[in-house]
C-alpha atoms as a PDB file:
ATOM      1  CA  MET A   1      -0.052  -0.274  -0.192  1.00  0.00           C
ATOM      2  CA  ALA A   2       1.477   3.287  -1.017  1.00  0.00           C
ATOM      3  CA  ALA A   3       0.645   6.843   1.428  1.00  0.00           C
ATOM      4  CA  ARG A   4      -2.844   8.376  -0.541  1.00  0.00           C
ATOM      5  CA  GLY A   5      -2.153  11.114  -2.146  1.00  0.00           C
ATOM      6  CA  ALA A   6       1.710  11.180  -0.190  1.00  0.00           C
ATOM      7  CA  ALA A   7       4.498  12.146  -2.791  1.00  0.00           C
ATOM      8  CA  LEU A   8       8.146  12.917  -1.763  1.00  0.00           C
ATOM      9  CA  THR A   9       9.879  16.490  -1.548  1.00  0.00           C
ATOM     10  CA  THR A  10      13.825  15.842  -2.483  1.00  0.00           C
ATOM     11  CA  THR A  11      16.666  18.256  -1.978  1.00  0.00           C
ATOM     12  CA  GLU A  12      20.146  16.355  -3.322  1.00  0.00           C
ATOM     13  CA  LEU A  13      22.945  18.344  -1.137  1.00  0.00           C
ATOM     14  CA  SER A  14      25.431  16.250  -2.645  1.00  0.00           C
ATOM     15  CA  PRO A  15      25.226  13.555  -5.155  1.00  0.00           C
ATOM     16  CA  ARG A  16      24.889  11.140  -2.507  1.00  0.00           C
ATOM     17  CA  LEU A  17      23.362  12.625   0.022  1.00  0.00           C
ATOM     18  CA  LEU A  18      19.240  13.617  -0.065  1.00  0.00           C
ATOM     19  CA  VAL A  19      17.029  14.876   2.059  1.00  0.00           C
ATOM     20  CA  MET A  20      13.656  13.738   1.885  1.00  0.00           C
ATOM     21  CA  THR A  21       9.431  14.446   3.228  1.00  0.00           C
ATOM     22  CA  LEU A  22       6.155  14.236   2.318  1.00  0.00           C
ATOM     23  CA  GLY A  23       5.584  18.431   3.780  1.00  0.00           C
ATOM     24  CA  GLY A  24       2.510  19.553   5.957  1.00  0.00           C
ATOM     25  CA  ASP A  25       2.139  18.656   9.147  1.00  0.00           C
ATOM     26  CA  ASP A  26      -0.343  15.902   9.709  1.00  0.00           C
ATOM     27  CA  PRO A  27       0.547  11.878  10.193  1.00  0.00           C
ATOM     28  CA  LEU A  28      -0.835  11.711   7.092  1.00  0.00           C
ATOM     29  CA  THR A  29       2.488  13.146   5.889  1.00  0.00           C
ATOM     30  CA  SER A  30       5.095  12.022   8.604  1.00  0.00           C
ATOM     31  CA  TYR A  31       4.387  16.012   9.778  1.00  0.00           C
ATOM     32  CA  GLY A  32       6.375  16.460   7.191  1.00  0.00           C
ATOM     33  CA  ALA A  33      10.594  15.100   8.776  1.00  0.00           C
ATOM     34  CA  ASN A  34      12.598  14.616   7.421  1.00  0.00           C
ATOM     35  CA  CYS A  35      14.158  11.699   5.831  1.00  0.00           C
ATOM     36  CA  VAL A  36      18.105  11.374   4.949  1.00  0.00           C
ATOM     37  CA  ALA A  37      20.281   9.025   2.328  1.00  0.00           C
ATOM     38  CA  LEU A  38      23.372   8.560   2.419  1.00  0.00           C
ATOM     39  CA  LEU A  39      24.600   6.571  -0.881  1.00  0.00           C
ATOM     40  CA  GLY A  40      27.718   4.578  -1.288  1.00  0.00           C
ATOM     41  CA  SER A  41      29.276   2.379  -2.612  1.00  0.00           C
ATOM     42  CA  ALA A  42      28.667  -0.548  -0.491  1.00  0.00           C
ATOM     43  CA  GLY A  43      25.084   0.482   0.991  1.00  0.00           C
ATOM     44  CA  THR A  44      22.442   3.618   1.606  1.00  0.00           C
ATOM     45  CA  LEU A  45      22.297   4.674   5.552  1.00  0.00           C
ATOM     46  CA  VAL A  46      18.787   5.862   6.038  1.00  0.00           C
ATOM     47  CA  VAL A  47      18.517   8.497   8.803  1.00  0.00           C
ATOM     48  CA  ASP A  48      14.665   8.933  10.338  1.00  0.00           C
ATOM     49  CA  PRO A  49      12.716   6.983   8.047  1.00  0.00           C
ATOM     50  CA  LEU A  50       9.088   7.964   8.150  1.00  0.00           C
ATOM     51  CA  ILE A  51       5.978   8.088  10.769  1.00  0.00           C
ATOM     52  CA  ALA A  52       4.312   4.075   9.364  1.00  0.00           C
ATOM     53  CA  PRO A  53       5.967   1.578   6.815  1.00  0.00           C
ATOM     54  CA  ALA A  54       3.729   3.456   3.712  1.00  0.00           C
ATOM     55  CA  HIS A  55       5.569   6.526   4.206  1.00  0.00           C
ATOM     56  CA  ALA A  56       8.862   3.651   3.840  1.00  0.00           C
ATOM     57  CA  ARG A  57       8.059   2.091   1.071  1.00  0.00           C
ATOM     58  CA  LEU A  58       7.951   5.843  -0.663  1.00  0.00           C
ATOM     59  CA  VAL A  59      11.594   6.596   1.056  1.00  0.00           C
ATOM     60  CA  ALA A  60      12.470   3.063  -1.001  1.00  0.00           C
ATOM     61  CA  ALA A  61      11.352   3.225  -4.002  1.00  0.00           C
ATOM     62  CA  GLU A  62      13.178   6.886  -4.568  1.00  0.00           C
ATOM     63  CA  LEU A  63      16.200   5.347  -3.368  1.00  0.00           C
ATOM     64  CA  GLU A  64      15.598   2.375  -5.902  1.00  0.00           C
ATOM     65  CA  ARG A  65      15.129   5.387  -9.245  1.00  0.00           C
ATOM     66  CA  ARG A  66      17.309   7.206  -8.730  1.00  0.00           C
ATOM     67  CA  GLY A  67      19.937   4.127  -8.133  1.00  0.00           C
ATOM     68  CA  ALA A  68      21.272   3.927  -5.044  1.00  0.00           C
ATOM     69  CA  ARG A  69      21.825   0.968  -3.304  1.00  0.00           C
ATOM     70  CA  PRO A  70      20.394  -1.377  -1.022  1.00  0.00           C
ATOM     71  CA  VAL A  71      19.783   0.398   1.841  1.00  0.00           C
ATOM     72  CA  THR A  72      21.882  -1.781   4.755  1.00  0.00           C
ATOM     73  CA  ASP A  73      21.866   0.825   7.779  1.00  0.00           C
ATOM     74  CA  VAL A  74      19.089   3.268   9.061  1.00  0.00           C
ATOM     75  CA  VAL A  75      19.303   5.435  11.802  1.00  0.00           C
ATOM     76  CA  ALA A  76      16.322   6.896  13.523  1.00  0.00           C
ATOM     77  CA  THR A  77      17.183  10.807  15.607  1.00  0.00           C
ATOM     78  CA  HIS A  78      15.100   9.757  18.700  1.00  0.00           C
ATOM     79  CA  HIS A  79      12.046   7.750  19.811  1.00  0.00           C
ATOM     80  CA  HIS A  80       9.332  10.274  18.137  1.00  0.00           C
ATOM     81  CA  THR A  81       7.498   8.501  15.475  1.00  0.00           C
ATOM     82  CA  ASP A  82       7.649  10.446  12.393  1.00  0.00           C
ATOM     83  CA  HIS A  83      11.239   9.357  12.547  1.00  0.00           C
ATOM     84  CA  ALA A  84      10.876   6.203  13.525  1.00  0.00           C
ATOM     85  CA  LEU A  85       8.322   4.323  12.470  1.00  0.00           C
ATOM     86  CA  GLY A  86       9.558   3.079   9.478  1.00  0.00           C
ATOM     87  CA  ALA A  87      12.462   1.795  10.442  1.00  0.00           C
ATOM     88  CA  GLY A  88      10.763  -1.476  11.332  1.00  0.00           C
ATOM     89  CA  TRP A  89      10.066  -1.829   6.881  1.00  0.00           C
ATOM     90  CA  PHE A  90      13.404  -2.048   6.438  1.00  0.00           C
ATOM     91  CA  GLY A  91      14.745  -3.569   9.168  1.00  0.00           C
ATOM     92  CA  ALA A  92      12.877  -6.546   8.089  1.00  0.00           C
ATOM     93  CA  ARG A  93      14.162  -6.699   4.856  1.00  0.00           C
ATOM     94  CA  GLY A  94      18.201  -7.454   6.752  1.00  0.00           C
ATOM     95  CA  ALA A  95      18.900  -3.069   7.295  1.00  0.00           C
ATOM     96  CA  VAL A  96      20.726  -2.747  10.572  1.00  0.00           C
ATOM     97  CA  VAL A  97      18.404  -0.209  12.496  1.00  0.00           C
ATOM     98  CA  ALA A  98      20.287   1.642  14.844  1.00  0.00           C
ATOM     99  CA  VAL A  99      19.805   4.377  17.594  1.00  0.00           C
ATOM    100  CA  GLN A 100      20.474   5.427  21.133  1.00  0.00           C
ATOM    101  CA  ALA A 101      20.555   2.988  23.432  1.00  0.00           C
ATOM    102  CA  ARG A 102      17.422   5.590  25.937  1.00  0.00           C
ATOM    103  CA  CYS A 103      15.500   5.981  22.381  1.00  0.00           C
ATOM    104  CA  ALA A 104      15.142   1.758  22.006  1.00  0.00           C
ATOM    105  CA  GLU A 105      13.907   1.456  25.311  1.00  0.00           C
ATOM    106  CA  ARG A 106      11.222   4.490  25.064  1.00  0.00           C
ATOM    107  CA  MET A 107      10.226   2.387  21.455  1.00  0.00           C
ATOM    108  CA  ARG A 108       9.580  -0.623  23.469  1.00  0.00           C
ATOM    109  CA  ALA A 109       7.430   1.238  25.873  1.00  0.00           C
ATOM    110  CA  GLU A 110       5.737   3.704  23.304  1.00  0.00           C
ATOM    111  CA  HIS A 111       5.326   2.156  20.139  1.00  0.00           C
ATOM    112  CA  PRO A 112       3.408  -0.421  20.855  1.00  0.00           C
ATOM    113  CA  ALA A 113      -0.081   1.212  22.636  1.00  0.00           C
ATOM    114  CA  LEU A 114       0.840   4.064  19.067  1.00  0.00           C
ATOM    115  CA  VAL A 115       0.631   1.124  16.788  1.00  0.00           C
ATOM    116  CA  ARG A 116      -3.676   0.222  18.409  1.00  0.00           C
ATOM    117  CA  ALA A 117      -4.619   3.774  18.933  1.00  0.00           C
ATOM    118  CA  ARG A 118      -3.597   4.426  15.070  1.00  0.00           C
ATOM    119  CA  ARG A 119      -5.359   1.220  13.521  1.00  0.00           C
ATOM    120  CA  ALA A 120      -8.584   2.700  15.839  1.00  0.00           C
ATOM    121  CA  ASP A 121      -8.919   5.829  14.545  1.00  0.00           C
ATOM    122  CA  PRO A 122     -10.694   5.575  10.934  1.00  0.00           C
ATOM    123  CA  ARG A 123      -8.316   8.616   9.712  1.00  0.00           C
ATOM    124  CA  LEU A 124      -5.548   6.649  10.335  1.00  0.00           C
ATOM    125  CA  ALA A 125      -6.038   3.886  10.371  1.00  0.00           C
ATOM    126  CA  ALA A 126      -4.823   2.241   6.564  1.00  0.00           C
ATOM    127  CA  LEU A 127      -1.362   4.342   7.013  1.00  0.00           C
ATOM    128  CA  PHE A 128      -0.530   2.848   9.681  1.00  0.00           C
ATOM    129  CA  ALA A 129      -2.608  -1.301   8.708  1.00  0.00           C
ATOM    130  CA  ASP A 130       0.596  -3.066   8.045  1.00  0.00           C
ATOM    131  CA  ALA A 131       2.771  -0.873  11.516  1.00  0.00           C
ATOM    132  CA  GLU A 132       4.631  -2.576  13.960  1.00  0.00           C
ATOM    133  CA  ALA A 133       7.173  -2.242  17.259  1.00  0.00           C
ATOM    134  CA  HIS A 134      10.634  -2.443  16.372  1.00  0.00           C
ATOM    135  CA  GLU A 135      12.908  -3.672  18.175  1.00  0.00           C
ATOM    136  CA  PRO A 136      16.755  -2.722  16.855  1.00  0.00           C
ATOM    137  CA  ALA A 137      19.753  -4.414  16.287  1.00  0.00           C
ATOM    138  CA  VAL A 138      21.708  -1.406  17.566  1.00  0.00           C
ATOM    139  CA  ALA A 139      21.330  -0.305  20.781  1.00  0.00           C
ATOM    140  CA  PHE A 140      24.144   2.161  21.144  1.00  0.00           C
ATOM    141  CA  ALA A 141      25.180   4.361  24.235  1.00  0.00           C
ATOM    142  CA  SER A 142      27.020   7.365  22.833  1.00  0.00           C
ATOM    143  CA  GLY A 143      27.596   6.169  19.444  1.00  0.00           C
ATOM    144  CA  TRP A 144      27.685   3.956  16.542  1.00  0.00           C
ATOM    145  CA  ARG A 145      29.494   3.770  12.807  1.00  0.00           C
ATOM    146  CA  VAL A 146      28.481   3.183   9.267  1.00  0.00           C
ATOM    147  CA  ASP A 147      31.052   2.642   6.688  1.00  0.00           C
ATOM    148  CA  LEU A 148      28.558   2.365   3.392  1.00  0.00           C
ATOM    149  CA  GLY A 149      32.435   1.216   0.982  1.00  0.00           C
ATOM    150  CA  ASP A 150      33.522   4.316  -0.589  1.00  0.00           C
ATOM    151  CA  VAL A 151      31.957   6.880   1.962  1.00  0.00           C
ATOM    152  CA  ALA A 152      30.521   6.862   6.206  1.00  0.00           C
ATOM    153  CA  ALA A 153      28.755   8.149   8.827  1.00  0.00           C
ATOM    154  CA  GLU A 154      28.750   8.410  12.384  1.00  0.00           C
ATOM    155  CA  ALA A 155      25.525   8.523  14.855  1.00  0.00           C
ATOM    156  CA  ARG A 156      26.299  10.226  17.934  1.00  0.00           C
ATOM    157  CA  HIS A 157      24.314  10.804  21.213  1.00  0.00           C
ATOM    158  CA  LEU A 158      25.009  14.858  21.815  1.00  0.00           C
ATOM    159  CA  GLY A 159      23.297  14.005  25.834  1.00  0.00           C
ATOM    160  CA  PRO A 160      19.718  14.312  26.586  1.00  0.00           C
ATOM    161  CA  GLY A 161      18.025  17.434  23.925  1.00  0.00           C
ATOM    162  CA  HIS A 162      14.680  16.821  22.511  1.00  0.00           C
ATOM    163  CA  THR A 163      14.193  13.608  23.768  1.00  0.00           C
ATOM    164  CA  PRO A 164      16.861  11.396  26.382  1.00  0.00           C
ATOM    165  CA  GLY A 165      17.870   8.973  23.482  1.00  0.00           C
ATOM    166  CA  ASP A 166      18.558  12.086  20.675  1.00  0.00           C
ATOM    167  CA  CYS A 167      21.102  11.479  18.718  1.00  0.00           C
ATOM    168  CA  VAL A 168      22.864  13.048  15.444  1.00  0.00           C
ATOM    169  CA  VAL A 169      24.081  11.926  13.092  1.00  0.00           C
ATOM    170  CA  LEU A 170      27.422  12.913  11.182  1.00  0.00           C
ATOM    171  CA  PHE A 171      28.572  12.831   7.949  1.00  0.00           C
ATOM    172  CA  PRO A 172      32.406  14.216   6.915  1.00  0.00           C
ATOM    173  CA  SER A 173      32.750  13.561   3.468  1.00  0.00           C
ATOM    174  CA  GLU A 174      29.218  16.206   3.518  1.00  0.00           C
ATOM    175  CA  ASP A 175      30.981  18.994   5.642  1.00  0.00           C
ATOM    176  CA  ALA A 176      26.978  18.133   6.487  1.00  0.00           C
ATOM    177  CA  VAL A 177      24.703  16.567   9.947  1.00  0.00           C
ATOM    178  CA  ALA A 178      21.178  15.498  10.602  1.00  0.00           C
ATOM    179  CA  CYS A 179      20.441  16.981  13.489  1.00  0.00           C
ATOM    180  CA  GLY A 180      16.839  15.305  14.181  1.00  0.00           C
ATOM    181  CA  ASP A 181      14.591  17.000  16.338  1.00  0.00           C
ATOM    182  CA  LEU A 182      17.419  19.139  18.513  1.00  0.00           C
ATOM    183  CA  VAL A 183      16.481  21.462  15.131  1.00  0.00           C
ATOM    184  CA  VAL A 184      13.985  22.833  13.247  1.00  0.00           C
ATOM    185  CA  ALA A 185      13.644  25.458  10.645  1.00  0.00           C
ATOM    186  CA  GLY A 186      10.463  27.641  10.972  1.00  0.00           C
ATOM    187  CA  TRP A 187       9.084  25.180  12.373  1.00  0.00           C
ATOM    188  CA  HIS A 188       7.165  24.514  16.719  1.00  0.00           C
ATOM    189  CA  HIS A 189       9.633  22.757  18.872  1.00  0.00           C
ATOM    190  CA  ASN A 190       7.806  19.319  20.631  1.00  0.00           C
ATOM    191  CA  TYR A 191       9.029  20.129  24.127  1.00  0.00           C
ATOM    192  CA  GLU A 192       7.304  16.470  25.063  1.00  0.00           C
ATOM    193  CA  ASP A 193       9.497  14.578  26.131  1.00  0.00           C
ATOM    194  CA  ALA A 194      12.591  17.268  25.424  1.00  0.00           C
ATOM    195  CA  ASP A 195      15.208  17.832  29.511  1.00  0.00           C
ATOM    196  CA  LEU A 196      14.282  21.609  29.507  1.00  0.00           C
ATOM    197  CA  GLN A 197      18.118  22.108  31.423  1.00  0.00           C
ATOM    198  CA  ALA A 198      20.313  20.197  28.989  1.00  0.00           C
ATOM    199  CA  LEU A 199      18.467  21.840  25.990  1.00  0.00           C
ATOM    200  CA  PRO A 200      21.242  24.691  25.363  1.00  0.00           C
ATOM    201  CA  ALA A 201      23.756  22.457  26.210  1.00  0.00           C
ATOM    202  CA  ALA A 202      23.494  20.124  23.456  1.00  0.00           C
ATOM    203  CA  LEU A 203      23.072  22.584  20.639  1.00  0.00           C
ATOM    204  CA  GLU A 204      26.378  23.540  21.602  1.00  0.00           C
ATOM    205  CA  ARG A 205      27.439  20.887  21.572  1.00  0.00           C
ATOM    206  CA  LEU A 206      25.572  20.112  17.837  1.00  0.00           C
ATOM    207  CA  ARG A 207      27.608  23.726  17.487  1.00  0.00           C
ATOM    208  CA  ALA A 208      30.886  21.592  18.049  1.00  0.00           C
ATOM    209  CA  CYS A 209      30.483  19.511  15.728  1.00  0.00           C
ATOM    210  CA  GLY A 210      31.982  22.203  13.011  1.00  0.00           C
ATOM    211  CA  ALA A 211      28.952  20.887  10.359  1.00  0.00           C
ATOM    212  CA  ARG A 212      28.713  23.489   7.414  1.00  0.00           C
ATOM    213  CA  ARG A 213      25.382  22.318   6.149  1.00  0.00           C
ATOM    214  CA  LEU A 214      22.883  20.651   8.977  1.00  0.00           C
ATOM    215  CA  VAL A 215      19.534  19.017   8.148  1.00  0.00           C
ATOM    216  CA  PRO A 216      17.330  20.194  11.079  1.00  0.00           C
ATOM    217  CA  GLY A 217      14.448  17.109  12.124  1.00  0.00           C
ATOM    218  CA  HIS A 218      11.100  19.444   9.746  1.00  0.00           C
ATOM    219  CA  GLY A 219      12.372  22.019   7.867  1.00  0.00           C
ATOM    220  CA  ALA A 220      14.445  23.233   4.873  1.00  0.00           C
ATOM    221  CA  PRO A 221      18.278  22.954   5.358  1.00  0.00           C
ATOM    222  CA  GLY A 222      20.986  25.316   6.031  1.00  0.00           C
ATOM    223  CA  GLY A 223      24.237  26.055   7.952  1.00  0.00           C
ATOM    224  CA  PRO A 224      24.722  26.475  12.339  1.00  0.00           C
ATOM    225  CA  GLU A 225      22.745  29.560  12.325  1.00  0.00           C
ATOM    226  CA  LEU A 226      19.496  27.383  12.593  1.00  0.00           C
ATOM    227  CA  VAL A 227      21.910  26.477  15.598  1.00  0.00           C
ATOM    228  CA  ASP A 228      20.978  29.914  16.395  1.00  0.00           C
ATOM    229  CA  GLU A 229      17.740  30.193  15.427  1.00  0.00           C
ATOM    230  CA  GLN A 230      16.348  27.244  17.022  1.00  0.00           C
ATOM    231  CA  ALA A 231      18.436  28.526  21.114  1.00  0.00           C
ATOM    232  CA  ARG A 232      16.761  32.219  20.448  1.00  0.00           C
ATOM    233  CA  TYR A 233      12.902  30.382  19.790  1.00  0.00           C
ATOM    234  CA  HIS A 234      14.039  28.557  23.254  1.00  0.00           C
ATOM    235  CA  ALA A 235      14.807  31.578  25.049  1.00  0.00           C
ATOM    236  CA  GLU A 236      12.043  33.449  23.472  1.00  0.00           C
ATOM    237  CA  VAL A 237       9.362  30.200  23.985  1.00  0.00           C
ATOM    238  CA  GLU A 238      10.598  30.533  27.598  1.00  0.00           C
ATOM    239  CA  ARG A 239       9.909  34.151  28.000  1.00  0.00           C
ATOM    240  CA  LEU A 240       6.689  35.306  26.782  1.00  0.00           C
ATOM    241  CA  VAL A 241       4.992  31.230  28.273  1.00  0.00           C
ATOM    242  CA  ARG A 242       6.354  32.239  32.007  1.00  0.00           C
ATOM    243  CA  ALA A 243       5.646  36.119  31.938  1.00  0.00           C
ATOM    244  CA  ALA A 244       1.911  35.410  31.015  1.00  0.00           C
ATOM    245  CA  THR A 245      -0.366  35.371  33.454  1.00  0.00           C
ATOM    246  CA  SER A 246      -2.620  32.045  32.883  1.00  0.00           C
ATOM    247  CA  ASP A 247      -1.972  28.696  29.648  1.00  0.00           C
ATOM    248  CA  GLU A 248      -4.456  30.453  27.232  1.00  0.00           C
ATOM    249  CA  GLY A 249      -2.657  33.835  27.040  1.00  0.00           C
ATOM    250  CA  ALA A 250       0.728  32.189  26.632  1.00  0.00           C
ATOM    251  CA  ARG A 251      -0.499  30.220  24.689  1.00  0.00           C
ATOM    252  CA  ALA A 252      -2.214  33.582  22.706  1.00  0.00           C
ATOM    253  CA  ALA A 253       0.718  35.231  22.813  1.00  0.00           C
ATOM    254  CA  LEU A 254       3.632  32.950  20.799  1.00  0.00           C
ATOM    255  CA  ARG A 255       0.636  31.854  18.707  1.00  0.00           C
ATOM    256  CA  GLU A 256       1.085  36.629  17.567  1.00  0.00           C
ATOM    257  CA  ARG A 257       4.665  35.247  18.091  1.00  0.00           C
ATOM    258  CA  PHE A 258       5.160  33.344  15.915  1.00  0.00           C
ATOM    259  CA  PRO A 259       2.373  32.993  13.081  1.00  0.00           C
ATOM    260  CA  GLY A 260       1.544  30.341  10.932  1.00  0.00           C
ATOM    261  CA  ARG A 261       4.448  28.238  12.329  1.00  0.00           C
ATOM    262  CA  PRO A 262       4.265  24.836  11.706  1.00  0.00           C
ATOM    263  CA  LEU A 263       3.338  21.947  14.352  1.00  0.00           C
ATOM    264  CA  GLU A 264       1.069  24.474  16.386  1.00  0.00           C
ATOM    265  CA  ASN A 265      -0.633  21.531  18.660  1.00  0.00           C
ATOM    266  CA  ALA A 266       3.501  21.697  19.911  1.00  0.00           C
ATOM    267  CA  ILE A 267       2.575  25.029  21.960  1.00  0.00           C
ATOM    268  CA  GLU A 268       0.710  23.062  24.176  1.00  0.00           C
ATOM    269  CA  SER A 269       3.799  20.998  25.182  1.00  0.00           C
ATOM    270  CA  ALA A 270       5.341  24.387  25.550  1.00  0.00           C
ATOM    271  CA  VAL A 271       2.621  25.527  28.187  1.00  0.00           C
ATOM    272  CA  ALA A 272       2.099  22.562  30.351  1.00  0.00           C
ATOM    273  CA  ARG A 273       6.452  22.489  30.123  1.00  0.00           C
ATOM    274  CA  LEU A 274       7.307  25.638  31.164  1.00  0.00           C
ATOM    275  CA  ARG A 275       3.788  26.586  33.510  1.00  0.00           C
ATOM    276  CA  ARG A 276       4.298  22.828  35.259  1.00  0.00           C
END
């Protein structure tokens, strides 16, 4: 089954580094998450293979169309389903799925119930009909390296940030890094599982990686300025929410300050975490 009406947009950061997204900020389009692929002579690495097998199949079809080698390795930057649930489709076809250890724990604890709930939702049932919780083959502590023949990549845990089990994926040959949702460009940030005290340090560690090109979890790729923009967003959200005299006032202040920003439902997570 293909995702009805879903079409990937692919951006080439280099001839062997692709960014694929379905756009939008809805579960039917993986909330617009970015999936990244590194094409090597001995295999292909996919980072964050979207929310369901139907979307993973779209990624696989795009890679095949471009003549990429089979997907041998998959990394999920964190456990949220828009980044991680599609990994099982590739894993069932022989790819090695690697995640940070605390990400693996959250996948194990949360994904089965989330899949059941989405199958019970008439709007989402078709998309999640063949989705299954997946047990990653590799659960690393600080890092994991993959060799694709003529190119390599490294998954690196920079500490808790967006979630306890975040990782970023460095592509040294491309001078690039896939940030997961540690950085989102022009989107609201979901604070549901964030470590609010650790976020600034995680962003500084990302900056210290020194990559010239950054692929955010959502939004358009850019340069190191994305880290600065993310830090300013966090500071402004905290200032506005803490200054508000009510939950509704905080919501209104964020909508006014960031009009039209995608993933508006994440505003609720900021209010819940910063006012409780």
